Amino acid sequence: MALNCSAAAERNRLPILTELERLLPATGSVLEIASGTGQHAAFFAAHLPGLHWQPSEADPEMFASIREYSQTAELAQVSPAGAEQPAALANIAPPVFLDVLDEWPGDLVDAVITANLLHIALPEVLPALCQGAAAVLRPGGCLFIYGPFKRHGAHTSEGNVRFDASLRQQHPAWGIRDLEKVVEVATANGFQLQEVIPMPANNFSIVFYLTN
């Protein structure tokens, strides 16, 4: 058994799903950046069966966990009690290696989503994320970014102040990013801000659509 478990992914998956159900098309393809354990990809794919999900991760050691979740871990959350469980999710692909700072896969998709990436990444990941997403999204495609953010340079809670300090202790280039900076960089890469959604635990979902 190769399963890893992220407590944060367990807590935030349902609030994120609620927004994705509203924002994403009923059918199409989704590229998830920094899939981590694979909990999000499996949960979202199981609840949004019309969408084909492509997990990606820069750490190949996480691939086994992603594959395991995509097979059986989340299916009981969808099917009625006592129903026969299929062996694997049919609408989720095997994970692929993707370092945001390197070359991205060439297949076009309808949405790019990422959760809890930017605060544990180098600053240059933000422009690379926006450039890469713009290259692989179809016109009108959705870029969905979830995580903790500052507003106008200020933290939104005392808990985020402490969290930011702990991140910077782990790596001096990590830290909670300014939401307005995310909007600025995304806009410079052809995206239009659709909405900023306050989420539980002082997080935000930032929703963009590709304009060209």
C-alpha atoms as a PDB file:
ATOM      1  CA  MET A   1       0.000   0.000   0.000  1.00  0.00           C
ATOM      2  CA  ALA A   2       1.532   3.275  -1.122  1.00  0.00           C
ATOM      3  CA  LEU A   3      -1.098   5.686   0.210  1.00  0.00           C
ATOM      4  CA  ASN A   4      -0.009   8.937   1.778  1.00  0.00           C
ATOM      5  CA  CYS A   5      -2.536  11.181   3.493  1.00  0.00           C
ATOM      6  CA  SER A   6      -2.631  14.964   3.700  1.00  0.00           C
ATOM      7  CA  ALA A   7      -4.837  16.269   6.509  1.00  0.00           C
ATOM      8  CA  ALA A   8      -5.187  19.591   4.680  1.00  0.00           C
ATOM      9  CA  ALA A   9      -6.429  17.837   1.539  1.00  0.00           C
ATOM     10  CA  GLU A  10      -9.008  15.967   3.602  1.00  0.00           C
ATOM     11  CA  ARG A  11     -10.265  19.217   5.136  1.00  0.00           C
ATOM     12  CA  ASN A  12     -10.442  21.347   2.011  1.00  0.00           C
ATOM     13  CA  ARG A  13     -11.499  18.875  -0.664  1.00  0.00           C
ATOM     14  CA  LEU A  14     -15.258  19.319  -0.199  1.00  0.00           C
ATOM     15  CA  PRO A  15     -15.224  23.162  -0.185  1.00  0.00           C
ATOM     16  CA  ILE A  16     -13.036  23.117  -3.298  1.00  0.00           C
ATOM     17  CA  LEU A  17     -15.302  20.552  -4.975  1.00  0.00           C
ATOM     18  CA  THR A  18     -18.305  22.785  -4.324  1.00  0.00           C
ATOM     19  CA  GLU A  19     -16.656  25.565  -6.336  1.00  0.00           C
ATOM     20  CA  LEU A  20     -15.362  23.279  -9.092  1.00  0.00           C
ATOM     21  CA  GLU A  21     -18.852  21.847  -9.617  1.00  0.00           C
ATOM     22  CA  ARG A  22     -20.056  25.378 -10.288  1.00  0.00           C
ATOM     23  CA  LEU A  23     -17.107  26.615 -12.346  1.00  0.00           C
ATOM     24  CA  LEU A  24     -15.937  23.745 -14.535  1.00  0.00           C
ATOM     25  CA  PRO A  25     -17.700  22.474 -17.653  1.00  0.00           C
ATOM     26  CA  ALA A  26     -19.735  19.275 -17.417  1.00  0.00           C
ATOM     27  CA  THR A  27     -17.347  17.536 -19.812  1.00  0.00           C
ATOM     28  CA  GLY A  28     -13.753  18.137 -20.814  1.00  0.00           C
ATOM     29  CA  SER A  29     -10.238  17.705 -19.469  1.00  0.00           C
ATOM     30  CA  VAL A  30      -8.459  18.992 -16.382  1.00  0.00           C
ATOM     31  CA  LEU A  31      -4.736  19.203 -15.641  1.00  0.00           C
ATOM     32  CA  GLU A  32      -3.960  19.277 -11.929  1.00  0.00           C
ATOM     33  CA  ILE A  33      -0.617  20.832 -11.002  1.00  0.00           C
ATOM     34  CA  ALA A  34       1.225  19.517  -7.920  1.00  0.00           C
ATOM     35  CA  SER A  35      -1.169  16.659  -7.180  1.00  0.00           C
ATOM     36  CA  GLY A  36       0.741  15.647  -4.051  1.00  0.00           C
ATOM     37  CA  THR A  37      -0.767  12.550  -2.460  1.00  0.00           C
ATOM     38  CA  GLY A  38      -3.456  12.254  -5.143  1.00  0.00           C
ATOM     39  CA  GLN A  39      -6.366  12.746  -2.722  1.00  0.00           C
ATOM     40  CA  HIS A  40      -7.752  15.747  -4.568  1.00  0.00           C
ATOM     41  CA  ALA A  41      -7.499  14.219  -8.031  1.00  0.00           C
ATOM     42  CA  ALA A  42      -9.300  11.028  -6.990  1.00  0.00           C
ATOM     43  CA  PHE A  43     -11.996  12.839  -5.018  1.00  0.00           C
ATOM     44  CA  PHE A  44     -12.726  15.382  -7.735  1.00  0.00           C
ATOM     45  CA  ALA A  45     -12.627  12.822 -10.543  1.00  0.00           C
ATOM     46  CA  ALA A  46     -15.046  10.565  -8.673  1.00  0.00           C
ATOM     47  CA  HIS A  47     -17.519  13.391  -8.116  1.00  0.00           C
ATOM     48  CA  LEU A  48     -17.147  14.965 -11.586  1.00  0.00           C
ATOM     49  CA  PRO A  49     -17.278  11.912 -13.857  1.00  0.00           C
ATOM     50  CA  GLY A  50     -17.735  13.921 -17.056  1.00  0.00           C
ATOM     51  CA  LEU A  51     -14.274  15.415 -16.712  1.00  0.00           C
ATOM     52  CA  HIS A  52     -11.035  13.611 -17.543  1.00  0.00           C
ATOM     53  CA  TRP A  53      -8.371  14.313 -14.912  1.00  0.00           C
ATOM     54  CA  GLN A  54      -4.622  14.399 -15.451  1.00  0.00           C
ATOM     55  CA  PRO A  55      -2.677  14.458 -12.166  1.00  0.00           C
ATOM     56  CA  SER A  56       0.875  15.786 -12.296  1.00  0.00           C
ATOM     57  CA  GLU A  57       3.675  16.027  -9.782  1.00  0.00           C
ATOM     58  CA  ALA A  58       7.291  17.139  -9.696  1.00  0.00           C
ATOM     59  CA  ASP A  59       8.153  14.510  -7.058  1.00  0.00           C
ATOM     60  CA  PRO A  60       8.071  11.021  -8.625  1.00  0.00           C
ATOM     61  CA  GLU A  61       7.986   9.492  -5.137  1.00  0.00           C
ATOM     62  CA  MET A  62       4.340  10.604  -4.923  1.00  0.00           C
ATOM     63  CA  PHE A  63       3.299   8.713  -8.048  1.00  0.00           C
ATOM     64  CA  ALA A  64       2.498   5.477  -6.209  1.00  0.00           C
ATOM     65  CA  SER A  65       0.177   7.283  -3.814  1.00  0.00           C
ATOM     66  CA  ILE A  66      -1.559   9.118  -6.672  1.00  0.00           C
ATOM     67  CA  ARG A  67      -2.110   5.845  -8.520  1.00  0.00           C
ATOM     68  CA  GLU A  68      -3.451   4.136  -5.410  1.00  0.00           C
ATOM     69  CA  TYR A  69      -5.979   6.863  -4.691  1.00  0.00           C
ATOM     70  CA  SER A  70      -7.092   6.887  -8.317  1.00  0.00           C
ATOM     71  CA  GLN A  71      -7.878   3.178  -8.116  1.00  0.00           C
ATOM     72  CA  THR A  72     -10.018   2.653  -5.033  1.00  0.00           C
ATOM     73  CA  ALA A  73      -9.501   5.074  -2.148  1.00  0.00           C
ATOM     74  CA  GLU A  74     -12.294   7.556  -2.870  1.00  0.00           C
ATOM     75  CA  LEU A  75     -14.920   5.502  -4.666  1.00  0.00           C
ATOM     76  CA  ALA A  76     -16.859   4.683  -1.491  1.00  0.00           C
ATOM     77  CA  GLN A  77     -17.542   8.409  -1.110  1.00  0.00           C
ATOM     78  CA  VAL A  78     -19.660   8.372  -4.293  1.00  0.00           C
ATOM     79  CA  SER A  79     -21.399   5.019  -4.696  1.00  0.00           C
ATOM     80  CA  PRO A  80     -24.369   4.111  -2.475  1.00  0.00           C
ATOM     81  CA  ALA A  81     -23.738   1.874   0.503  1.00  0.00           C
ATOM     82  CA  GLY A  82     -23.520  -1.741  -0.553  1.00  0.00           C
ATOM     83  CA  ALA A  83     -23.117  -0.933  -4.242  1.00  0.00           C
ATOM     84  CA  GLU A  84     -20.495  -2.832  -6.196  1.00  0.00           C
ATOM     85  CA  GLN A  85     -17.315  -0.781  -6.380  1.00  0.00           C
ATOM     86  CA  PRO A  86     -15.461  -0.548  -9.709  1.00  0.00           C
ATOM     87  CA  ALA A  87     -11.769  -1.409  -9.685  1.00  0.00           C
ATOM     88  CA  ALA A  88     -10.586   2.044 -10.705  1.00  0.00           C
ATOM     89  CA  LEU A  89     -11.721   5.480 -11.745  1.00  0.00           C
ATOM     90  CA  ALA A  90     -12.112   5.476 -15.510  1.00  0.00           C
ATOM     91  CA  ASN A  91     -11.744   9.248 -15.886  1.00  0.00           C
ATOM     92  CA  ILE A  92      -8.347   9.733 -14.267  1.00  0.00           C
ATOM     93  CA  ALA A  93      -5.041   9.185 -16.050  1.00  0.00           C
ATOM     94  CA  PRO A  94      -1.800   7.920 -14.515  1.00  0.00           C
ATOM     95  CA  PRO A  95       0.285  10.734 -13.011  1.00  0.00           C
ATOM     96  CA  VAL A  96       2.827  12.505 -15.183  1.00  0.00           C
ATOM     97  CA  PHE A  97       6.002  14.295 -14.173  1.00  0.00           C
ATOM     98  CA  LEU A  98       5.588  18.051 -14.413  1.00  0.00           C
ATOM     99  CA  ASP A  99       7.933  20.613 -12.944  1.00  0.00           C
ATOM    100  CA  VAL A 100       6.207  23.971 -13.396  1.00  0.00           C
ATOM    101  CA  LEU A 101       9.567  25.591 -14.174  1.00  0.00           C
ATOM    102  CA  ASP A 102      10.329  23.133 -16.992  1.00  0.00           C
ATOM    103  CA  GLU A 103       8.536  21.998 -20.146  1.00  0.00           C
ATOM    104  CA  TRP A 104       4.803  21.321 -19.870  1.00  0.00           C
ATOM    105  CA  PRO A 105       2.900  18.555 -21.708  1.00  0.00           C
ATOM    106  CA  GLY A 106       1.527  19.624 -25.074  1.00  0.00           C
ATOM    107  CA  ASP A 107      -2.070  18.368 -24.853  1.00  0.00           C
ATOM    108  CA  LEU A 108      -4.696  21.104 -24.587  1.00  0.00           C
ATOM    109  CA  VAL A 109      -7.063  21.042 -21.624  1.00  0.00           C
ATOM    110  CA  ASP A 110     -10.192  22.880 -20.503  1.00  0.00           C
ATOM    111  CA  ALA A 111      -9.011  23.673 -16.984  1.00  0.00           C
ATOM    112  CA  VAL A 112      -5.819  23.873 -14.937  1.00  0.00           C
ATOM    113  CA  ILE A 113      -6.176  23.623 -11.175  1.00  0.00           C
ATOM    114  CA  THR A 114      -3.677  23.779  -8.345  1.00  0.00           C
ATOM    115  CA  ALA A 115      -4.077  23.818  -4.584  1.00  0.00           C
ATOM    116  CA  ASN A 116      -1.597  24.827  -1.897  1.00  0.00           C
ATOM    117  CA  LEU A 117       1.337  25.225  -4.256  1.00  0.00           C
ATOM    118  CA  LEU A 118       2.478  28.831  -4.364  1.00  0.00           C
ATOM    119  CA  HIS A 119       3.355  29.275  -0.689  1.00  0.00           C
ATOM    120  CA  ILE A 120       5.700  26.266  -0.752  1.00  0.00           C
ATOM    121  CA  ALA A 121       7.345  27.162  -4.060  1.00  0.00           C
ATOM    122  CA  LEU A 122       9.972  29.593  -5.293  1.00  0.00           C
ATOM    123  CA  PRO A 123       8.648  33.023  -6.369  1.00  0.00           C
ATOM    124  CA  GLU A 124       9.392  32.252 -10.013  1.00  0.00           C
ATOM    125  CA  VAL A 125       6.826  29.441  -9.930  1.00  0.00           C
ATOM    126  CA  LEU A 126       3.984  31.990 -10.120  1.00  0.00           C
ATOM    127  CA  PRO A 127       4.884  33.410 -13.554  1.00  0.00           C
ATOM    128  CA  ALA A 128       5.816  29.918 -14.788  1.00  0.00           C
ATOM    129  CA  LEU A 129       2.429  28.599 -13.648  1.00  0.00           C
ATOM    130  CA  CYS A 130       0.567  31.346 -15.492  1.00  0.00           C
ATOM    131  CA  GLN A 131       2.691  31.000 -18.641  1.00  0.00           C
ATOM    132  CA  GLY A 132       2.347  27.231 -18.679  1.00  0.00           C
ATOM    133  CA  ALA A 133      -1.391  27.307 -18.049  1.00  0.00           C
ATOM    134  CA  ALA A 134      -1.891  29.842 -20.838  1.00  0.00           C
ATOM    135  CA  ALA A 135      -0.002  27.540 -23.216  1.00  0.00           C
ATOM    136  CA  VAL A 136      -2.042  24.403 -22.484  1.00  0.00           C
ATOM    137  CA  LEU A 137      -5.524  25.852 -21.966  1.00  0.00           C
ATOM    138  CA  ARG A 138      -8.048  26.107 -24.737  1.00  0.00           C
ATOM    139  CA  PRO A 139      -9.432  29.616 -25.306  1.00  0.00           C
ATOM    140  CA  GLY A 140     -11.840  30.405 -22.499  1.00  0.00           C
ATOM    141  CA  GLY A 141     -10.273  27.740 -20.276  1.00  0.00           C
ATOM    142  CA  CYS A 142     -10.261  28.050 -16.498  1.00  0.00           C
ATOM    143  CA  LEU A 143      -7.243  28.525 -14.222  1.00  0.00           C
ATOM    144  CA  PHE A 144      -8.208  27.742 -10.612  1.00  0.00           C
ATOM    145  CA  ILE A 145      -5.717  28.532  -7.841  1.00  0.00           C
ATOM    146  CA  TYR A 146      -6.426  27.668  -4.187  1.00  0.00           C
ATOM    147  CA  GLY A 147      -4.444  28.461  -1.074  1.00  0.00           C
ATOM    148  CA  PRO A 148      -3.641  31.043   1.594  1.00  0.00           C
ATOM    149  CA  PHE A 149      -2.940  34.556   0.345  1.00  0.00           C
ATOM    150  CA  LYS A 150      -2.247  38.009   1.682  1.00  0.00           C
ATOM    151  CA  ARG A 151      -4.544  40.851   0.656  1.00  0.00           C
ATOM    152  CA  HIS A 152      -2.855  44.118  -0.335  1.00  0.00           C
ATOM    153  CA  GLY A 153       0.327  42.983   1.397  1.00  0.00           C
ATOM    154  CA  ALA A 154      -1.318  42.101   4.729  1.00  0.00           C
ATOM    155  CA  HIS A 155      -2.108  38.723   6.235  1.00  0.00           C
ATOM    156  CA  THR A 156      -5.781  37.921   6.694  1.00  0.00           C
ATOM    157  CA  SER A 157      -5.429  36.220  10.100  1.00  0.00           C
ATOM    158  CA  GLU A 158      -3.030  35.739  12.988  1.00  0.00           C
ATOM    159  CA  GLY A 159      -2.895  32.084  12.101  1.00  0.00           C
ATOM    160  CA  ASN A 160      -1.562  32.955   8.667  1.00  0.00           C
ATOM    161  CA  VAL A 161       1.072  35.194  10.251  1.00  0.00           C
ATOM    162  CA  ARG A 162       2.355  32.198  12.201  1.00  0.00           C
ATOM    163  CA  PHE A 163       2.032  29.899   9.220  1.00  0.00           C
ATOM    164  CA  ASP A 164       4.018  32.302   7.034  1.00  0.00           C
ATOM    165  CA  ALA A 165       6.790  32.484   9.637  1.00  0.00           C
ATOM    166  CA  SER A 166       6.979  28.689   9.808  1.00  0.00           C
ATOM    167  CA  LEU A 167       7.197  28.457   6.013  1.00  0.00           C
ATOM    168  CA  ARG A 168      10.077  30.918   5.892  1.00  0.00           C
ATOM    169  CA  GLN A 169      11.902  28.934   8.565  1.00  0.00           C
ATOM    170  CA  GLN A 170      11.683  25.883   6.317  1.00  0.00           C
ATOM    171  CA  HIS A 171      12.855  27.796   3.220  1.00  0.00           C
ATOM    172  CA  PRO A 172      13.646  31.529   3.008  1.00  0.00           C
ATOM    173  CA  ALA A 173      12.003  31.806  -0.434  1.00  0.00           C
ATOM    174  CA  TRP A 174       8.715  30.231   0.681  1.00  0.00           C
ATOM    175  CA  GLY A 175       5.837  32.197   2.141  1.00  0.00           C
ATOM    176  CA  ILE A 176       2.245  33.278   1.666  1.00  0.00           C
ATOM    177  CA  ARG A 177       1.958  35.271  -1.569  1.00  0.00           C
ATOM    178  CA  ASP A 178       0.010  38.455  -2.190  1.00  0.00           C
ATOM    179  CA  LEU A 179      -3.256  37.745  -3.998  1.00  0.00           C
ATOM    180  CA  GLU A 180      -3.040  40.966  -5.969  1.00  0.00           C
ATOM    181  CA  LYS A 181       0.350  39.899  -7.304  1.00  0.00           C
ATOM    182  CA  VAL A 182      -1.183  36.636  -8.529  1.00  0.00           C
ATOM    183  CA  VAL A 183      -3.852  38.607 -10.369  1.00  0.00           C
ATOM    184  CA  GLU A 184      -1.235  40.940 -11.869  1.00  0.00           C
ATOM    185  CA  VAL A 185       0.907  38.095 -13.195  1.00  0.00           C
ATOM    186  CA  ALA A 186      -2.048  36.093 -14.506  1.00  0.00           C
ATOM    187  CA  THR A 187      -3.471  39.135 -16.273  1.00  0.00           C
ATOM    188  CA  ALA A 188      -0.095  39.761 -17.930  1.00  0.00           C
ATOM    189  CA  ASN A 189      -0.304  36.230 -19.353  1.00  0.00           C
ATOM    190  CA  GLY A 190      -3.696  36.597 -21.000  1.00  0.00           C
ATOM    191  CA  PHE A 191      -6.037  35.713 -18.128  1.00  0.00           C
ATOM    192  CA  GLN A 192      -9.056  37.644 -16.918  1.00  0.00           C
ATOM    193  CA  LEU A 193      -9.970  37.476 -13.240  1.00  0.00           C
ATOM    194  CA  GLN A 194     -13.433  35.959 -12.826  1.00  0.00           C
ATOM    195  CA  GLU A 195     -13.777  35.962  -9.047  1.00  0.00           C
ATOM    196  CA  VAL A 196     -12.008  35.675  -5.714  1.00  0.00           C
ATOM    197  CA  ILE A 197     -13.786  33.250  -3.412  1.00  0.00           C
ATOM    198  CA  PRO A 198     -13.177  33.307   0.368  1.00  0.00           C
ATOM    199  CA  MET A 199     -12.726  29.739   1.583  1.00  0.00           C
ATOM    200  CA  PRO A 200     -12.609  28.104   5.035  1.00  0.00           C
ATOM    201  CA  ALA A 201      -9.507  28.437   7.231  1.00  0.00           C
ATOM    202  CA  ASN A 202      -8.478  31.817   5.760  1.00  0.00           C
ATOM    203  CA  ASN A 203      -7.870  30.490   2.259  1.00  0.00           C
ATOM    204  CA  PHE A 204      -9.023  31.762  -1.125  1.00  0.00           C
ATOM    205  CA  SER A 205      -9.895  30.350  -4.511  1.00  0.00           C
ATOM    206  CA  ILE A 206      -8.831  32.595  -7.399  1.00  0.00           C
ATOM    207  CA  VAL A 207     -10.605  31.936 -10.674  1.00  0.00           C
ATOM    208  CA  PHE A 208      -9.326  33.096 -14.060  1.00  0.00           C
ATOM    209  CA  TYR A 209     -10.385  32.479 -17.646  1.00  0.00           C
ATOM    210  CA  LEU A 210      -8.068  32.612 -20.628  1.00  0.00           C
ATOM    211  CA  THR A 211      -9.061  35.486 -22.882  1.00  0.00           C
ATOM    212  CA  ASN A 212      -7.157  34.590 -26.076  1.00  0.00           C
END
